[in-house]
């Protein structure tokens, strides 16, 4: 594949941003520098930047750092080898030994402040860009987050559930003069190609980290297929058909709906293909 030309998109970039751009660009090149070398170079650049700018706090510098890194991830197509190389650098960075303490841990351990700079909606991306560009960048971001989560570097289940509930937990169909209907039909999902891709990458890259668990995940909701009707919820004194988070039954629902999208003739080939890849991954994990 072609090499990726990254750009710094943060306003008023400084020397540290430029150094990170150079380090990451070399690490994701077709003939890359080793991920460990890149991680050590980032560590050196970060510490040098702090020493040269005493008014900066470690936390503030890390927030700026992750803003730049996440921006790079969104610029890399989700199936491009460069994205895996970028995440490999973060894996090595997590293991860099440091005497500096941030959030009660050695610097880089647990990738401090990583989640604080993750955009939570595609509408928040690149204000000057069109919706199609924003959505593609959001899918790239989801794949990157899934890779990070799949390696056990960050707890990102919440983001996975947001994407999965949007795509493979049905839709509400308004009916004039009657109660709204809960639909499992793929054709009733608004923006099906975008939502399918954003959800499927979580299964493809982090399915093993989501499968086989039964636990609640805070900060999440669910699509209509995972919610009880008002009458059922009142009787059962709960809102959901199962765990508000991860469980085997919800996993099976996702697989059923991905299979329905794969087989849906009204979807484009790319959408059906990525849904099929998700089903194949789930089959291997079951």
C-alpha atoms as a PDB file:
ATOM      1  CA  UNK A   1       0.000   0.000   0.000  1.00  0.00           C
ATOM      2  CA  UNK A   2       0.989   3.632  -0.456  1.00  0.00           C
ATOM      3  CA  UNK A   3       2.806   5.398   2.352  1.00  0.00           C
ATOM      4  CA  UNK A   4       0.770   7.707   4.576  1.00  0.00           C
ATOM      5  CA  UNK A   5       1.566  11.421   4.697  1.00  0.00           C
ATOM      6  CA  UNK A   6       0.555  12.597   8.138  1.00  0.00           C
ATOM      7  CA  UNK A   7      -0.164  16.209   9.026  1.00  0.00           C
ATOM      8  CA  UNK A   8      -0.279  18.087  12.311  1.00  0.00           C
ATOM      9  CA  UNK A   9      -3.845  19.332  12.621  1.00  0.00           C
ATOM     10  CA  UNK A  10      -3.708  20.988  16.021  1.00  0.00           C
ATOM     11  CA  UNK A  11      -3.596  24.799  16.000  1.00  0.00           C
ATOM     12  CA  UNK A  12      -0.255  26.473  16.724  1.00  0.00           C
ATOM     13  CA  UNK A  13       1.926  23.328  16.658  1.00  0.00           C
ATOM     14  CA  UNK A  14       5.218  23.545  18.504  1.00  0.00           C
ATOM     15  CA  UNK A  15       8.593  21.806  18.262  1.00  0.00           C
ATOM     16  CA  UNK A  16       7.378  18.824  20.278  1.00  0.00           C
ATOM     17  CA  UNK A  17       4.492  18.272  17.850  1.00  0.00           C
ATOM     18  CA  UNK A  18       6.940  18.391  14.939  1.00  0.00           C
ATOM     19  CA  UNK A  19       9.173  15.840  16.630  1.00  0.00           C
ATOM     20  CA  UNK A  20       6.250  13.485  17.207  1.00  0.00           C
ATOM     21  CA  UNK A  21       5.229  13.859  13.556  1.00  0.00           C
ATOM     22  CA  UNK A  22       8.727  12.898  12.414  1.00  0.00           C
ATOM     23  CA  UNK A  23       8.964   9.937  14.812  1.00  0.00           C
ATOM     24  CA  UNK A  24       5.546   8.487  13.937  1.00  0.00           C
ATOM     25  CA  UNK A  25       6.021   9.083  10.194  1.00  0.00           C
ATOM     26  CA  UNK A  26       9.172   6.984  10.271  1.00  0.00           C
ATOM     27  CA  UNK A  27       7.533   4.314  12.429  1.00  0.00           C
ATOM     28  CA  UNK A  28       4.600   3.770  10.024  1.00  0.00           C
ATOM     29  CA  UNK A  29       6.613   3.949   6.802  1.00  0.00           C
ATOM     30  CA  UNK A  30       6.743   0.922   4.457  1.00  0.00           C
ATOM     31  CA  UNK A  31      10.277   0.314   5.777  1.00  0.00           C
ATOM     32  CA  UNK A  32       9.686   1.507   9.348  1.00  0.00           C
ATOM     33  CA  UNK A  33      11.961   2.188  12.253  1.00  0.00           C
ATOM     34  CA  UNK A  34      11.372  -0.364  15.052  1.00  0.00           C
ATOM     35  CA  UNK A  35       8.388   0.419  17.257  1.00  0.00           C
ATOM     36  CA  UNK A  36      10.534   0.236  20.387  1.00  0.00           C
ATOM     37  CA  UNK A  37      12.974   2.806  18.994  1.00  0.00           C
ATOM     38  CA  UNK A  38      10.066   5.105  18.170  1.00  0.00           C
ATOM     39  CA  UNK A  39       8.664   4.729  21.692  1.00  0.00           C
ATOM     40  CA  UNK A  40      12.009   5.605  23.266  1.00  0.00           C
ATOM     41  CA  UNK A  41      12.318   8.613  20.952  1.00  0.00           C
ATOM     42  CA  UNK A  42       8.874   9.833  22.039  1.00  0.00           C
ATOM     43  CA  UNK A  43       9.850   9.447  25.682  1.00  0.00           C
ATOM     44  CA  UNK A  44      12.996  11.510  25.119  1.00  0.00           C
ATOM     45  CA  UNK A  45      11.141  14.209  23.166  1.00  0.00           C
ATOM     46  CA  UNK A  46       8.460  14.467  25.856  1.00  0.00           C
ATOM     47  CA  UNK A  47      10.930  14.826  28.709  1.00  0.00           C
ATOM     48  CA  UNK A  48      13.020  17.344  26.764  1.00  0.00           C
ATOM     49  CA  UNK A  49       9.929  19.406  25.975  1.00  0.00           C
ATOM     50  CA  UNK A  50       8.956  19.504  29.660  1.00  0.00           C
ATOM     51  CA  UNK A  51      12.475  20.505  30.693  1.00  0.00           C
ATOM     52  CA  UNK A  52      12.588  23.307  28.131  1.00  0.00           C
ATOM     53  CA  UNK A  53       9.097  24.583  29.016  1.00  0.00           C
ATOM     54  CA  UNK A  54       8.860  24.721  32.820  1.00  0.00           C
ATOM     55  CA  UNK A  55       5.405  26.305  32.693  1.00  0.00           C
ATOM     56  CA  UNK A  56       3.938  23.143  31.198  1.00  0.00           C
ATOM     57  CA  UNK A  57       2.470  20.446  33.410  1.00  0.00           C
ATOM     58  CA  UNK A  58       2.944  16.740  32.667  1.00  0.00           C
ATOM     59  CA  UNK A  59      -0.816  16.284  32.375  1.00  0.00           C
ATOM     60  CA  UNK A  60      -1.261  19.199  29.991  1.00  0.00           C
ATOM     61  CA  UNK A  61       1.595  17.996  27.809  1.00  0.00           C
ATOM     62  CA  UNK A  62       0.160  14.489  27.672  1.00  0.00           C
ATOM     63  CA  UNK A  63      -3.266  15.804  26.671  1.00  0.00           C
ATOM     64  CA  UNK A  64      -1.659  17.668  23.775  1.00  0.00           C
ATOM     65  CA  UNK A  65       0.368  14.581  22.860  1.00  0.00           C
ATOM     66  CA  UNK A  66      -2.694  12.330  22.667  1.00  0.00           C
ATOM     67  CA  UNK A  67      -4.601  14.922  20.676  1.00  0.00           C
ATOM     68  CA  UNK A  68      -1.853  14.736  18.057  1.00  0.00           C
ATOM     69  CA  UNK A  69      -1.633  10.930  18.122  1.00  0.00           C
ATOM     70  CA  UNK A  70      -5.398  10.456  17.814  1.00  0.00           C
ATOM     71  CA  UNK A  71      -5.393  12.911  14.908  1.00  0.00           C
ATOM     72  CA  UNK A  72      -2.743  10.798  13.190  1.00  0.00           C
ATOM     73  CA  UNK A  73      -4.848   7.669  13.725  1.00  0.00           C
ATOM     74  CA  UNK A  74      -7.854   9.309  12.071  1.00  0.00           C
ATOM     75  CA  UNK A  75      -5.738  10.139   9.022  1.00  0.00           C
ATOM     76  CA  UNK A  76      -4.791   6.476   8.477  1.00  0.00           C
ATOM     77  CA  UNK A  77      -7.371   4.290   6.651  1.00  0.00           C
ATOM     78  CA  UNK A  78      -8.538   1.606   9.053  1.00  0.00           C
ATOM     79  CA  UNK A  79      -7.309  -1.278   6.894  1.00  0.00           C
ATOM     80  CA  UNK A  80      -3.921   0.262   6.115  1.00  0.00           C
ATOM     81  CA  UNK A  81      -0.890  -1.493   7.701  1.00  0.00           C
ATOM     82  CA  UNK A  82       0.263   1.883   9.027  1.00  0.00           C
ATOM     83  CA  UNK A  83      -2.473   1.853  11.664  1.00  0.00           C
ATOM     84  CA  UNK A  84      -1.229  -1.403  13.135  1.00  0.00           C
ATOM     85  CA  UNK A  85       2.284   0.046  13.163  1.00  0.00           C
ATOM     86  CA  UNK A  86       1.067   3.122  15.031  1.00  0.00           C
ATOM     87  CA  UNK A  87      -0.572   0.968  17.698  1.00  0.00           C
ATOM     88  CA  UNK A  88       2.606  -1.121  17.952  1.00  0.00           C
ATOM     89  CA  UNK A  89       4.446   2.063  18.952  1.00  0.00           C
ATOM     90  CA  UNK A  90       1.875   2.698  21.691  1.00  0.00           C
ATOM     91  CA  UNK A  91       2.321  -0.856  22.953  1.00  0.00           C
ATOM     92  CA  UNK A  92       6.062  -0.269  23.248  1.00  0.00           C
ATOM     93  CA  UNK A  93       5.473   3.158  24.796  1.00  0.00           C
ATOM     94  CA  UNK A  94       3.332   1.550  27.493  1.00  0.00           C
ATOM     95  CA  UNK A  95       6.343  -0.590  28.437  1.00  0.00           C
ATOM     96  CA  UNK A  96       8.914   2.221  28.573  1.00  0.00           C
ATOM     97  CA  UNK A  97      10.460   2.363  32.055  1.00  0.00           C
ATOM     98  CA  UNK A  98      10.324   5.777  33.694  1.00  0.00           C
ATOM     99  CA  UNK A  99      10.917   7.242  37.149  1.00  0.00           C
ATOM    100  CA  UNK A 100       8.429  10.062  36.479  1.00  0.00           C
ATOM    101  CA  UNK A 101       5.032   9.489  38.102  1.00  0.00           C
ATOM    102  CA  UNK A 102       1.765  10.518  36.402  1.00  0.00           C
ATOM    103  CA  UNK A 103      -1.630   9.623  37.878  1.00  0.00           C
ATOM    104  CA  UNK A 104       0.115   7.504  40.535  1.00  0.00           C
ATOM    105  CA  UNK A 105       1.857   5.350  37.937  1.00  0.00           C
ATOM    106  CA  UNK A 106       5.193   5.499  36.136  1.00  0.00           C
ATOM    107  CA  UNK A 107       4.962   7.698  33.042  1.00  0.00           C
ATOM    108  CA  UNK A 108       3.459   5.854  30.038  1.00  0.00           C
ATOM    109  CA  UNK A 109       2.252   2.885  32.101  1.00  0.00           C
ATOM    110  CA  UNK A 110      -1.427   2.554  31.234  1.00  0.00           C
ATOM    111  CA  UNK A 111      -1.082   5.363  28.665  1.00  0.00           C
ATOM    112  CA  UNK A 112      -2.205   8.180  31.010  1.00  0.00           C
ATOM    113  CA  UNK A 113      -4.810  10.638  29.645  1.00  0.00           C
ATOM    114  CA  UNK A 114      -5.282   8.534  26.477  1.00  0.00           C
ATOM    115  CA  UNK A 115      -9.085   8.451  26.759  1.00  0.00           C
ATOM    116  CA  UNK A 116      -9.421  12.109  27.734  1.00  0.00           C
ATOM    117  CA  UNK A 117      -8.760  13.243  24.166  1.00  0.00           C
ATOM    118  CA  UNK A 118     -10.877  10.657  22.309  1.00  0.00           C
ATOM    119  CA  UNK A 119     -13.698  12.331  20.306  1.00  0.00           C
ATOM    120  CA  UNK A 120     -17.044  10.837  21.269  1.00  0.00           C
ATOM    121  CA  UNK A 121     -18.966  11.568  18.077  1.00  0.00           C
ATOM    122  CA  UNK A 122     -18.165  11.900  14.390  1.00  0.00           C
ATOM    123  CA  UNK A 123     -19.793  15.341  14.401  1.00  0.00           C
ATOM    124  CA  UNK A 124     -16.946  16.584  16.618  1.00  0.00           C
ATOM    125  CA  UNK A 125     -14.270  15.795  14.049  1.00  0.00           C
ATOM    126  CA  UNK A 126     -12.645  18.292  11.687  1.00  0.00           C
ATOM    127  CA  UNK A 127     -15.288  21.072  11.723  1.00  0.00           C
ATOM    128  CA  UNK A 128     -14.208  22.260   8.284  1.00  0.00           C
ATOM    129  CA  UNK A 129     -14.606  18.837   6.657  1.00  0.00           C
ATOM    130  CA  UNK A 130     -17.720  17.418   5.007  1.00  0.00           C
ATOM    131  CA  UNK A 131     -19.799  14.715   6.684  1.00  0.00           C
ATOM    132  CA  UNK A 132     -18.412  11.899   4.503  1.00  0.00           C
ATOM    133  CA  UNK A 133     -14.852  12.776   5.474  1.00  0.00           C
ATOM    134  CA  UNK A 134     -15.793  13.047   9.143  1.00  0.00           C
ATOM    135  CA  UNK A 135     -17.466   9.645   9.082  1.00  0.00           C
ATOM    136  CA  UNK A 136     -14.498   7.973   7.402  1.00  0.00           C
ATOM    137  CA  UNK A 137     -12.171   9.501   9.960  1.00  0.00           C
ATOM    138  CA  UNK A 138     -14.471   8.273  12.726  1.00  0.00           C
ATOM    139  CA  UNK A 139     -14.333   4.705  11.391  1.00  0.00           C
ATOM    140  CA  UNK A 140     -10.538   4.981  11.275  1.00  0.00           C
ATOM    141  CA  UNK A 141     -10.623   6.174  14.883  1.00  0.00           C
ATOM    142  CA  UNK A 142     -12.826   3.257  15.969  1.00  0.00           C
ATOM    143  CA  UNK A 143     -10.459   0.745  14.378  1.00  0.00           C
ATOM    144  CA  UNK A 144      -7.497   2.373  16.113  1.00  0.00           C
ATOM    145  CA  UNK A 145      -9.284   2.330  19.480  1.00  0.00           C
ATOM    146  CA  UNK A 146     -10.272  -1.296  18.924  1.00  0.00           C
ATOM    147  CA  UNK A 147      -6.657  -2.254  18.211  1.00  0.00           C
ATOM    148  CA  UNK A 148      -5.507  -0.483  21.378  1.00  0.00           C
ATOM    149  CA  UNK A 149      -8.250  -2.164  23.404  1.00  0.00           C
ATOM    150  CA  UNK A 150      -7.581  -5.533  21.808  1.00  0.00           C
ATOM    151  CA  UNK A 151      -3.983  -5.397  23.050  1.00  0.00           C
ATOM    152  CA  UNK A 152      -5.166  -4.670  26.580  1.00  0.00           C
ATOM    153  CA  UNK A 153      -3.611  -1.204  26.662  1.00  0.00           C
ATOM    154  CA  UNK A 154      -6.804   0.689  27.577  1.00  0.00           C
ATOM    155  CA  UNK A 155     -10.288  -0.140  28.837  1.00  0.00           C
ATOM    156  CA  UNK A 156     -12.417   1.086  25.950  1.00  0.00           C
ATOM    157  CA  UNK A 157     -15.497  -1.121  26.189  1.00  0.00           C
ATOM    158  CA  UNK A 158     -17.747   1.930  26.413  1.00  0.00           C
ATOM    159  CA  UNK A 159     -16.742   3.105  22.934  1.00  0.00           C
ATOM    160  CA  UNK A 160     -17.264  -0.390  21.524  1.00  0.00           C
ATOM    161  CA  UNK A 161     -20.781  -0.585  22.948  1.00  0.00           C
ATOM    162  CA  UNK A 162     -21.687   2.830  21.600  1.00  0.00           C
ATOM    163  CA  UNK A 163     -20.795   1.739  18.061  1.00  0.00           C
ATOM    164  CA  UNK A 164     -22.303  -1.732  18.319  1.00  0.00           C
ATOM    165  CA  UNK A 165     -25.615  -0.527  19.765  1.00  0.00           C
ATOM    166  CA  UNK A 166     -25.955   1.975  16.906  1.00  0.00           C
ATOM    167  CA  UNK A 167     -25.463  -0.645  14.187  1.00  0.00           C
ATOM    168  CA  UNK A 168     -26.584  -4.072  15.343  1.00  0.00           C
ATOM    169  CA  UNK A 169     -29.256  -3.559  17.975  1.00  0.00           C
ATOM    170  CA  UNK A 170     -32.131  -2.588  15.731  1.00  0.00           C
ATOM    171  CA  UNK A 171     -34.032   0.597  15.038  1.00  0.00           C
ATOM    172  CA  UNK A 172     -37.249   2.299  16.067  1.00  0.00           C
ATOM    173  CA  UNK A 173     -39.672   2.748  13.169  1.00  0.00           C
ATOM    174  CA  UNK A 174     -42.361   5.425  13.721  1.00  0.00           C
ATOM    175  CA  UNK A 175     -45.878   4.356  12.798  1.00  0.00           C
ATOM    176  CA  UNK A 176     -48.549   7.044  12.428  1.00  0.00           C
ATOM    177  CA  UNK A 177     -51.438   6.483  14.762  1.00  0.00           C
ATOM    178  CA  UNK A 178     -49.856   3.420  16.370  1.00  0.00           C
ATOM    179  CA  UNK A 179     -47.009   2.606  18.765  1.00  0.00           C
ATOM    180  CA  UNK A 180     -43.556   2.741  17.232  1.00  0.00           C
ATOM    181  CA  UNK A 181     -42.171  -0.559  15.974  1.00  0.00           C
ATOM    182  CA  UNK A 182     -38.864  -2.166  16.938  1.00  0.00           C
ATOM    183  CA  UNK A 183     -37.216  -3.372  13.755  1.00  0.00           C
ATOM    184  CA  UNK A 184     -34.369  -5.838  13.229  1.00  0.00           C
ATOM    185  CA  UNK A 185     -34.258  -5.088   9.506  1.00  0.00           C
ATOM    186  CA  UNK A 186     -30.892  -3.663   8.321  1.00  0.00           C
ATOM    187  CA  UNK A 187     -32.714  -1.367   5.910  1.00  0.00           C
ATOM    188  CA  UNK A 188     -34.220   0.518   8.838  1.00  0.00           C
ATOM    189  CA  UNK A 189     -30.819   1.508  10.227  1.00  0.00           C
ATOM    190  CA  UNK A 190     -30.105   5.107   9.268  1.00  0.00           C
ATOM    191  CA  UNK A 191     -26.673   5.495   7.668  1.00  0.00           C
ATOM    192  CA  UNK A 192     -26.140   1.726   7.598  1.00  0.00           C
ATOM    193  CA  UNK A 193     -22.733   1.659   5.791  1.00  0.00           C
ATOM    194  CA  UNK A 194     -21.114   4.074   8.235  1.00  0.00           C
ATOM    195  CA  UNK A 195     -22.573   2.503  11.370  1.00  0.00           C
ATOM    196  CA  UNK A 196     -21.782  -1.036  10.199  1.00  0.00           C
ATOM    197  CA  UNK A 197     -18.139  -0.211   9.549  1.00  0.00           C
ATOM    198  CA  UNK A 198     -17.747   1.638  12.866  1.00  0.00           C
ATOM    199  CA  UNK A 199     -19.158  -1.377  14.717  1.00  0.00           C
ATOM    200  CA  UNK A 200     -17.527  -4.172  12.729  1.00  0.00           C
ATOM    201  CA  UNK A 201     -13.975  -2.961  13.356  1.00  0.00           C
ATOM    202  CA  UNK A 202     -14.524  -3.510  17.085  1.00  0.00           C
ATOM    203  CA  UNK A 203     -15.305  -7.170  16.459  1.00  0.00           C
ATOM    204  CA  UNK A 204     -12.540  -7.614  13.899  1.00  0.00           C
ATOM    205  CA  UNK A 205      -9.788  -6.064  16.031  1.00  0.00           C
ATOM    206  CA  UNK A 206     -11.061  -6.544  19.592  1.00  0.00           C
ATOM    207  CA  UNK A 207     -13.582  -9.370  19.444  1.00  0.00           C
ATOM    208  CA  UNK A 208     -11.512 -11.547  21.751  1.00  0.00           C
ATOM    209  CA  UNK A 209     -11.531  -8.794  24.403  1.00  0.00           C
ATOM    210  CA  UNK A 210     -15.338  -8.483  24.199  1.00  0.00           C
ATOM    211  CA  UNK A 211     -16.261 -12.161  23.948  1.00  0.00           C
ATOM    212  CA  UNK A 212     -16.973 -14.425  26.897  1.00  0.00           C
ATOM    213  CA  UNK A 213     -17.621 -11.705  29.452  1.00  0.00           C
ATOM    214  CA  UNK A 214     -20.652 -10.920  31.574  1.00  0.00           C
ATOM    215  CA  UNK A 215     -20.342  -7.541  33.245  1.00  0.00           C
ATOM    216  CA  UNK A 216     -21.931  -4.139  33.294  1.00  0.00           C
ATOM    217  CA  UNK A 217     -20.187  -1.307  31.461  1.00  0.00           C
ATOM    218  CA  UNK A 218     -20.902   2.171  32.770  1.00  0.00           C
ATOM    219  CA  UNK A 219     -21.663   5.059  30.449  1.00  0.00           C
ATOM    220  CA  UNK A 220     -23.539   2.881  27.964  1.00  0.00           C
ATOM    221  CA  UNK A 221     -27.106   2.339  26.811  1.00  0.00           C
ATOM    222  CA  UNK A 222     -28.484  -0.053  24.210  1.00  0.00           C
ATOM    223  CA  UNK A 223     -30.402  -0.262  20.969  1.00  0.00           C
ATOM    224  CA  UNK A 224     -34.111  -1.184  20.940  1.00  0.00           C
ATOM    225  CA  UNK A 225     -33.483  -4.909  20.348  1.00  0.00           C
ATOM    226  CA  UNK A 226     -31.665  -5.131  23.673  1.00  0.00           C
ATOM    227  CA  UNK A 227     -34.255  -3.133  25.621  1.00  0.00           C
ATOM    228  CA  UNK A 228     -37.419  -4.481  27.179  1.00  0.00           C
ATOM    229  CA  UNK A 229     -40.736  -2.940  26.214  1.00  0.00           C
ATOM    230  CA  UNK A 230     -42.175  -0.492  28.722  1.00  0.00           C
ATOM    231  CA  UNK A 231     -44.593  -3.136  29.976  1.00  0.00           C
ATOM    232  CA  UNK A 232     -41.882  -5.780  30.303  1.00  0.00           C
ATOM    233  CA  UNK A 233     -39.490  -3.323  31.959  1.00  0.00           C
ATOM    234  CA  UNK A 234     -42.122  -2.384  34.533  1.00  0.00           C
ATOM    235  CA  UNK A 235     -42.833  -6.020  35.351  1.00  0.00           C
ATOM    236  CA  UNK A 236     -39.186  -7.050  35.447  1.00  0.00           C
ATOM    237  CA  UNK A 237     -38.024  -3.848  37.140  1.00  0.00           C
ATOM    238  CA  UNK A 238     -35.160  -3.559  34.730  1.00  0.00           C
ATOM    239  CA  UNK A 239     -34.590  -1.836  31.410  1.00  0.00           C
ATOM    240  CA  UNK A 240     -32.599  -4.365  29.388  1.00  0.00           C
ATOM    241  CA  UNK A 241     -33.072  -7.949  28.225  1.00  0.00           C
ATOM    242  CA  UNK A 242     -29.772  -8.861  29.851  1.00  0.00           C
ATOM    243  CA  UNK A 243     -26.645  -7.261  31.211  1.00  0.00           C
ATOM    244  CA  UNK A 244     -26.169  -3.545  30.593  1.00  0.00           C
ATOM    245  CA  UNK A 245     -22.787  -4.198  29.077  1.00  0.00           C
ATOM    246  CA  UNK A 246     -21.281  -7.446  27.889  1.00  0.00           C
ATOM    247  CA  UNK A 247     -22.822 -10.911  27.949  1.00  0.00           C
ATOM    248  CA  UNK A 248     -23.230 -13.980  25.751  1.00  0.00           C
ATOM    249  CA  UNK A 249     -26.818 -13.198  24.763  1.00  0.00           C
ATOM    250  CA  UNK A 250     -25.921  -9.714  23.579  1.00  0.00           C
ATOM    251  CA  UNK A 251     -22.958 -11.123  21.652  1.00  0.00           C
ATOM    252  CA  UNK A 252     -25.361 -13.522  19.905  1.00  0.00           C
ATOM    253  CA  UNK A 253     -27.667 -10.614  19.024  1.00  0.00           C
ATOM    254  CA  UNK A 254     -24.761  -8.755  17.426  1.00  0.00           C
ATOM    255  CA  UNK A 255     -23.803 -11.828  15.409  1.00  0.00           C
ATOM    256  CA  UNK A 256     -27.380 -12.284  14.197  1.00  0.00           C
ATOM    257  CA  UNK A 257     -27.607  -8.674  13.092  1.00  0.00           C
ATOM    258  CA  UNK A 258     -24.190  -8.633  11.409  1.00  0.00           C
ATOM    259  CA  UNK A 259     -25.272 -11.742   9.497  1.00  0.00           C
ATOM    260  CA  UNK A 260     -28.482  -9.985   8.468  1.00  0.00           C
ATOM    261  CA  UNK A 261     -26.463  -7.040   7.130  1.00  0.00           C
ATOM    262  CA  UNK A 262     -24.110  -9.416   5.318  1.00  0.00           C
ATOM    263  CA  UNK A 263     -27.102 -11.001   3.595  1.00  0.00           C
ATOM    264  CA  UNK A 264     -29.031  -7.771   2.985  1.00  0.00           C
ATOM    265  CA  UNK A 265     -29.228  -7.172  -0.764  1.00  0.00           C
ATOM    266  CA  UNK A 266     -30.018  -3.515  -0.247  1.00  0.00           C
ATOM    267  CA  UNK A 267     -26.567  -2.857   1.238  1.00  0.00           C
ATOM    268  CA  UNK A 268     -23.509  -2.059  -0.861  1.00  0.00           C
ATOM    269  CA  UNK A 269     -20.783  -4.645  -1.321  1.00  0.00           C
ATOM    270  CA  UNK A 270     -18.330  -2.946   1.039  1.00  0.00           C
ATOM    271  CA  UNK A 271     -20.888  -2.898   3.850  1.00  0.00           C
ATOM    272  CA  UNK A 272     -21.860  -6.534   3.319  1.00  0.00           C
ATOM    273  CA  UNK A 273     -18.200  -7.548   3.207  1.00  0.00           C
ATOM    274  CA  UNK A 274     -17.167  -5.912   6.471  1.00  0.00           C
ATOM    275  CA  UNK A 275     -20.286  -7.274   8.188  1.00  0.00           C
ATOM    276  CA  UNK A 276     -19.309 -10.707   6.907  1.00  0.00           C
ATOM    277  CA  UNK A 277     -15.821 -10.306   8.306  1.00  0.00           C
ATOM    278  CA  UNK A 278     -17.325  -9.540  11.705  1.00  0.00           C
ATOM    279  CA  UNK A 279     -19.451 -12.707  11.523  1.00  0.00           C
ATOM    280  CA  UNK A 280     -16.408 -14.786  10.565  1.00  0.00           C
ATOM    281  CA  UNK A 281     -14.460 -13.402  13.509  1.00  0.00           C
ATOM    282  CA  UNK A 282     -17.342 -14.160  15.880  1.00  0.00           C
ATOM    283  CA  UNK A 283     -17.623 -17.696  14.538  1.00  0.00           C
ATOM    284  CA  UNK A 284     -13.953 -18.278  15.315  1.00  0.00           C
ATOM    285  CA  UNK A 285     -14.368 -16.963  18.855  1.00  0.00           C
ATOM    286  CA  UNK A 286     -17.540 -18.928  19.701  1.00  0.00           C
END
